PDB file of N, CA and C in Angstrom:
ATOM      1  N   MET A   1      97.247 -94.530  16.065  1.00  0.00           N
ATOM      2  CA  MET A   1      96.666 -95.117  14.867  1.00  0.00           C
ATOM      3  C   MET A   1      96.456 -94.053  13.785  1.00  0.00           C
ATOM      4  N   ARG A   2      95.931 -92.915  14.165  1.00  0.00           N
ATOM      5  CA  ARG A   2      95.656 -91.867  13.184  1.00  0.00           C
ATOM      6  C   ARG A   2      96.954 -91.361  12.552  1.00  0.00           C
ATOM      7  N   LYS A   3      97.999 -91.237  13.370  1.00  0.00           N
ATOM      8  CA  LYS A   3      99.269 -90.745  12.849  1.00  0.00           C
ATOM      9  C   LYS A   3      99.838 -91.711  11.812  1.00  0.00           C
ATOM     10  N   ASP A   4      99.699 -93.018  12.045  1.00  0.00           N
ATOM     11  CA  ASP A   4     100.163 -94.014  11.077  1.00  0.00           C
ATOM     12  C   ASP A   4      99.405 -93.896   9.767  1.00  0.00           C
ATOM     13  N   THR A   5      98.093 -93.704   9.862  1.00  0.00           N
ATOM     14  CA  THR A   5      97.261 -93.574   8.669  1.00  0.00           C
ATOM     15  C   THR A   5      97.632 -92.323   7.891  1.00  0.00           C
ATOM     16  N   ASP A   6      97.811 -91.225   8.605  1.00  0.00           N
ATOM     17  CA  ASP A   6      98.186 -89.974   7.940  1.00  0.00           C
ATOM     18  C   ASP A   6      99.546 -90.101   7.255  1.00  0.00           C
ATOM     19  N   GLN A   7     100.487 -90.758   7.924  1.00  0.00           N
ATOM     20  CA  GLN A   7     101.819 -90.945   7.345  1.00  0.00           C
ATOM     21  C   GLN A   7     101.737 -91.788   6.078  1.00  0.00           C
ATOM     22  N   ARG A   8     100.916 -92.842   6.105  1.00  0.00           N
ATOM     23  CA  ARG A   8     100.771 -93.709   4.925  1.00  0.00           C
ATOM     24  C   ARG A   8     100.118 -92.941   3.773  1.00  0.00           C
ATOM     25  N   LYS A   9      99.132 -92.098   4.085  1.00  0.00           N
ATOM     26  CA  LYS A   9      98.497 -91.283   3.049  1.00  0.00           C
ATOM     27  C   LYS A   9      99.510 -90.369   2.381  1.00  0.00           C
ATOM     28  N   ILE A  10     100.385 -89.790   3.184  1.00  0.00           N
ATOM     29  CA  ILE A  10     101.420 -88.897   2.647  1.00  0.00           C
ATOM     30  C   ILE A  10     102.338 -89.669   1.707  1.00  0.00           C
ATOM     31  N   GLU A  11     102.750 -90.876   2.108  1.00  0.00           N
ATOM     32  CA  GLU A  11     103.612 -91.698   1.258  1.00  0.00           C
ATOM     33  C   GLU A  11     102.921 -92.029  -0.064  1.00  0.00           C
ATOM     34  N   LEU A  12     101.644 -92.398  -0.001  1.00  0.00           N
ATOM     35  CA  LEU A  12     100.902 -92.746  -1.215  1.00  0.00           C
ATOM     36  C   LEU A  12     100.726 -91.533  -2.120  1.00  0.00           C
ATOM     37  N   LEU A  13     100.461 -90.379  -1.538  1.00  0.00           N
ATOM     38  CA  LEU A  13     100.311 -89.169  -2.339  1.00  0.00           C
ATOM     39  C   LEU A  13     101.615 -88.780  -3.028  1.00  0.00           C
ATOM     40  N   LYS A  14     102.742 -89.030  -2.358  1.00  0.00           N
ATOM     41  CA  LYS A  14     104.036 -88.771  -2.989  1.00  0.00           C
ATOM     42  C   LYS A  14     104.238 -89.666  -4.199  1.00  0.00           C
ATOM     43  N   ILE A  15     103.857 -90.938  -4.069  1.00  0.00           N
ATOM     44  CA  ILE A  15     103.975 -91.872  -5.190  1.00  0.00           C
ATOM     45  C   ILE A  15     103.120 -91.393  -6.351  1.00  0.00           C
ATOM     46  N   LEU A  16     101.885 -90.974  -6.061  1.00  0.00           N
ATOM     47  CA  LEU A  16     100.997 -90.489  -7.119  1.00  0.00           C
ATOM     48  C   LEU A  16     101.519 -89.199  -7.748  1.00  0.00           C
ATOM     49  N   ALA A  17     102.096 -88.333  -6.934  1.00  0.00           N
ATOM     50  CA  ALA A  17     102.608 -87.063  -7.456  1.00  0.00           C
ATOM     51  C   ALA A  17     103.813 -87.277  -8.367  1.00  0.00           C
ATOM     52  N   GLU A  18     104.677 -88.219  -8.008  1.00  0.00           N
ATOM     53  CA  GLU A  18     105.851 -88.502  -8.830  1.00  0.00           C
ATOM     54  C   GLU A  18     105.455 -89.180 -10.136  1.00  0.00           C
ATOM     55  N   GLY A  19     104.512 -90.082 -10.073  1.00  0.00           N
ATOM     56  CA  GLY A  19     104.055 -90.777 -11.268  1.00  0.00           C
ATOM     57  C   GLY A  19     105.124 -91.693 -11.838  1.00  0.00           C
ATOM     58  N   CYS A  20     104.983 -92.004 -13.093  1.00  0.00           N
ATOM     59  CA  CYS A  20     105.907 -92.895 -13.793  1.00  0.00           C
ATOM     60  C   CYS A  20     106.893 -92.058 -14.600  1.00  0.00           C
ATOM     61  N   ARG A  21     108.160 -92.389 -14.509  1.00  0.00           N
ATOM     62  CA  ARG A  21     109.179 -91.636 -15.258  1.00  0.00           C
ATOM     63  C   ARG A  21     109.097 -91.920 -16.757  1.00  0.00           C
ATOM     64  N   LYS A  22     108.772 -93.146 -17.111  1.00  0.00           N
ATOM     65  CA  LYS A  22     108.710 -93.520 -18.529  1.00  0.00           C
ATOM     66  C   LYS A  22     107.443 -92.997 -19.201  1.00  0.00           C
ATOM     67  N   HIS A  23     106.360 -92.917 -18.431  1.00  0.00           N
ATOM     68  CA  HIS A  23     105.064 -92.504 -18.970  1.00  0.00           C
ATOM     69  C   HIS A  23     104.513 -91.337 -18.139  1.00  0.00           C
ATOM     70  N   PRO A  24     105.008 -90.133 -18.362  1.00  0.00           N
ATOM     71  CA  PRO A  24     104.595 -88.992 -17.532  1.00  0.00           C
ATOM     72  C   PRO A  24     103.115 -88.648 -17.661  1.00  0.00           C
ATOM     73  N   ALA A  25     102.453 -89.073 -18.710  1.00  0.00           N
ATOM     74  CA  ALA A  25     101.036 -88.767 -18.874  1.00  0.00           C
ATOM     75  C   ALA A  25     100.145 -89.714 -18.074  1.00  0.00           C
ATOM     76  N   TYR A  26     100.697 -90.820 -17.577  1.00  0.00           N
ATOM     77  CA  TYR A  26      99.890 -91.784 -16.829  1.00  0.00           C
ATOM     78  C   TYR A  26      99.615 -91.252 -15.427  1.00  0.00           C
ATOM     79  N   ARG A  27      98.357 -91.071 -15.095  1.00  0.00           N
ATOM     80  CA  ARG A  27      97.954 -90.540 -13.795  1.00  0.00           C
ATOM     81  C   ARG A  27      97.014 -91.494 -13.054  1.00  0.00           C
ATOM     82  N   ALA A  28      97.031 -92.775 -13.388  1.00  0.00           N
ATOM     83  CA  ALA A  28      96.277 -93.816 -12.693  1.00  0.00           C
ATOM     84  C   ALA A  28      94.770 -93.583 -12.759  1.00  0.00           C
ATOM     85  N   ARG A  29      94.298 -93.090 -13.881  1.00  0.00           N
ATOM     86  CA  ARG A  29      92.854 -92.945 -14.071  1.00  0.00           C
ATOM     87  C   ARG A  29      92.230 -94.283 -14.472  1.00  0.00           C
ATOM     88  N   ARG A  30      93.027 -95.130 -15.117  1.00  0.00           N
ATOM     89  CA  ARG A  30      92.571 -96.471 -15.476  1.00  0.00           C
ATOM     90  C   ARG A  30      93.673 -97.444 -15.101  1.00  0.00           C
ATOM     91  N   LYS A  31      93.307 -98.713 -15.037  1.00  0.00           N
ATOM     92  CA  LYS A  31      94.255 -99.735 -14.606  1.00  0.00           C
ATOM     93  C   LYS A  31      95.481 -99.772 -15.519  1.00  0.00           C
ATOM     94  N   ALA A  32      96.621 -99.996 -14.910  1.00  0.00           N
ATOM     95  CA  ALA A  32      97.874-100.095 -15.676  1.00  0.00           C
ATOM     96  C   ALA A  32      97.877-101.387 -16.487  1.00  0.00           C
ATOM     97  N   THR A  33      98.580-101.379 -17.606  1.00  0.00           N
ATOM     98  CA  THR A  33      98.637-102.558 -18.468  1.00  0.00           C
ATOM     99  C   THR A  33      99.552-103.641 -17.918  1.00  0.00           C
ATOM    100  N   GLU A  34     100.285-103.325 -16.860  1.00  0.00           N
ATOM    101  CA  GLU A  34     101.223-104.226 -16.195  1.00  0.00           C
ATOM    102  C   GLU A  34     102.460-104.532 -17.025  1.00  0.00           C
ATOM    103  N   ARG A  35     102.695-103.765 -18.067  1.00  0.00           N
ATOM    104  CA  ARG A  35     103.939-103.887 -18.839  1.00  0.00           C
ATOM    105  C   ARG A  35     105.029-103.032 -18.211  1.00  0.00           C
ATOM    106  N   CYS A  36     104.629-101.993 -17.513  1.00  0.00           N
ATOM    107  CA  CYS A  36     105.567-101.079 -16.875  1.00  0.00           C
ATOM    108  C   CYS A  36     105.396-101.195 -15.353  1.00  0.00           C
ATOM    109  N   GLU A  37     106.449-101.566 -14.669  1.00  0.00           N
ATOM    110  CA  GLU A  37     106.378-101.789 -13.211  1.00  0.00           C
ATOM    111  C   GLU A  37     106.067-100.497 -12.459  1.00  0.00           C
ATOM    112  N   GLU A  38     106.613 -99.370 -12.904  1.00  0.00           N
ATOM    113  CA  GLU A  38     106.348 -98.105 -12.223  1.00  0.00           C
ATOM    114  C   GLU A  38     104.877 -97.713 -12.315  1.00  0.00           C
ATOM    115  N   CYS A  39     104.253 -97.952 -13.464  1.00  0.00           N
ATOM    116  CA  CYS A  39     102.827 -97.659 -13.620  1.00  0.00           C
ATOM    117  C   CYS A  39     101.998 -98.531 -12.675  1.00  0.00           C
ATOM    118  N   VAL A  40     102.396 -99.775 -12.502  1.00  0.00           N
ATOM    119  CA  VAL A  40     101.686-100.682 -11.609  1.00  0.00           C
ATOM    120  C   VAL A  40     101.791-100.181 -10.164  1.00  0.00           C
ATOM    121  N   ILE A  41     102.944 -99.691  -9.766  1.00  0.00           N
ATOM    122  CA  ILE A  41     103.125 -99.157  -8.416  1.00  0.00           C
ATOM    123  C   ILE A  41     102.218 -97.947  -8.201  1.00  0.00           C
ATOM    124  N   VAL A  42     102.147 -97.077  -9.190  1.00  0.00           N
ATOM    125  CA  VAL A  42     101.282 -95.900  -9.100  1.00  0.00           C
ATOM    126  C   VAL A  42      99.823 -96.333  -8.995  1.00  0.00           C
ATOM    127  N   TRP A  43      99.416 -97.311  -9.788  1.00  0.00           N
ATOM    128  CA  TRP A  43      98.035 -97.799  -9.761  1.00  0.00           C
ATOM    129  C   TRP A  43      97.698 -98.403  -8.395  1.00  0.00           C
ATOM    130  N   LYS A  44      98.606 -99.205  -7.840  1.00  0.00           N
ATOM    131  CA  LYS A  44      98.360 -99.822  -6.532  1.00  0.00           C
ATOM    132  C   LYS A  44      98.293 -98.764  -5.430  1.00  0.00           C
ATOM    133  N   ALA A  45      99.091 -97.720  -5.551  1.00  0.00           N
ATOM    134  CA  ALA A  45      99.042 -96.632  -4.576  1.00  0.00           C
ATOM    135  C   ALA A  45      97.689 -95.936  -4.621  1.00  0.00           C
ATOM    136  N   ARG A  46      97.172 -95.740  -5.806  1.00  0.00           N
ATOM    137  CA  ARG A  46      95.858 -95.103  -5.945  1.00  0.00           C
ATOM    138  C   ARG A  46      94.766 -95.972  -5.337  1.00  0.00           C
ATOM    139  N   ILE A  47      94.807 -97.264  -5.592  1.00  0.00           N
ATOM    140  CA  ILE A  47      93.811 -98.180  -5.042  1.00  0.00           C
ATOM    141  C   ILE A  47      93.871 -98.168  -3.516  1.00  0.00           C
ATOM    142  N   GLU A  48      95.060 -98.246  -2.952  1.00  0.00           N
ATOM    143  CA  GLU A  48      95.216 -98.252  -1.498  1.00  0.00           C
ATOM    144  C   GLU A  48      94.743 -96.941  -0.893  1.00  0.00           C
ATOM    145  N   LEU A  49      95.028 -95.825  -1.548  1.00  0.00           N
ATOM    146  CA  LEU A  49      94.597 -94.528  -1.049  1.00  0.00           C
ATOM    147  C   LEU A  49      93.072 -94.414  -1.059  1.00  0.00           C
ATOM    148  N   ASN A  50      92.440 -94.957  -2.075  1.00  0.00           N
ATOM    149  CA  ASN A  50      90.979 -94.940  -2.141  1.00  0.00           C
ATOM    150  C   ASN A  50      90.353 -95.793  -1.040  1.00  0.00           C
ATOM    151  N   GLU A  51      91.051 -96.857  -0.627  1.00  0.00           N
ATOM    152  CA  GLU A  51      90.518 -97.727   0.420  1.00  0.00           C
ATOM    153  C   GLU A  51      90.618 -97.106   1.804  1.00  0.00           C
ATOM    154  N   ILE A  52      91.580 -96.220   1.989  1.00  0.00           N
ATOM    155  CA  ILE A  52      91.779 -95.609   3.323  1.00  0.00           C
ATOM    156  C   ILE A  52      90.675 -94.633   3.639  1.00  0.00           C
TER     157      ILE A  52
END
């Protein structure tokens, strides 16, 4: 169980580190406007990481 959680954390951190290609300044500090799909993915990754 712990290994699965650690692996998922690594995946989420990679998503956050890559960020959005169109909006490089977006770092998921506030909710995405949902106009850009990549920003939404980054935002959801941040939310999931905070829940773990």
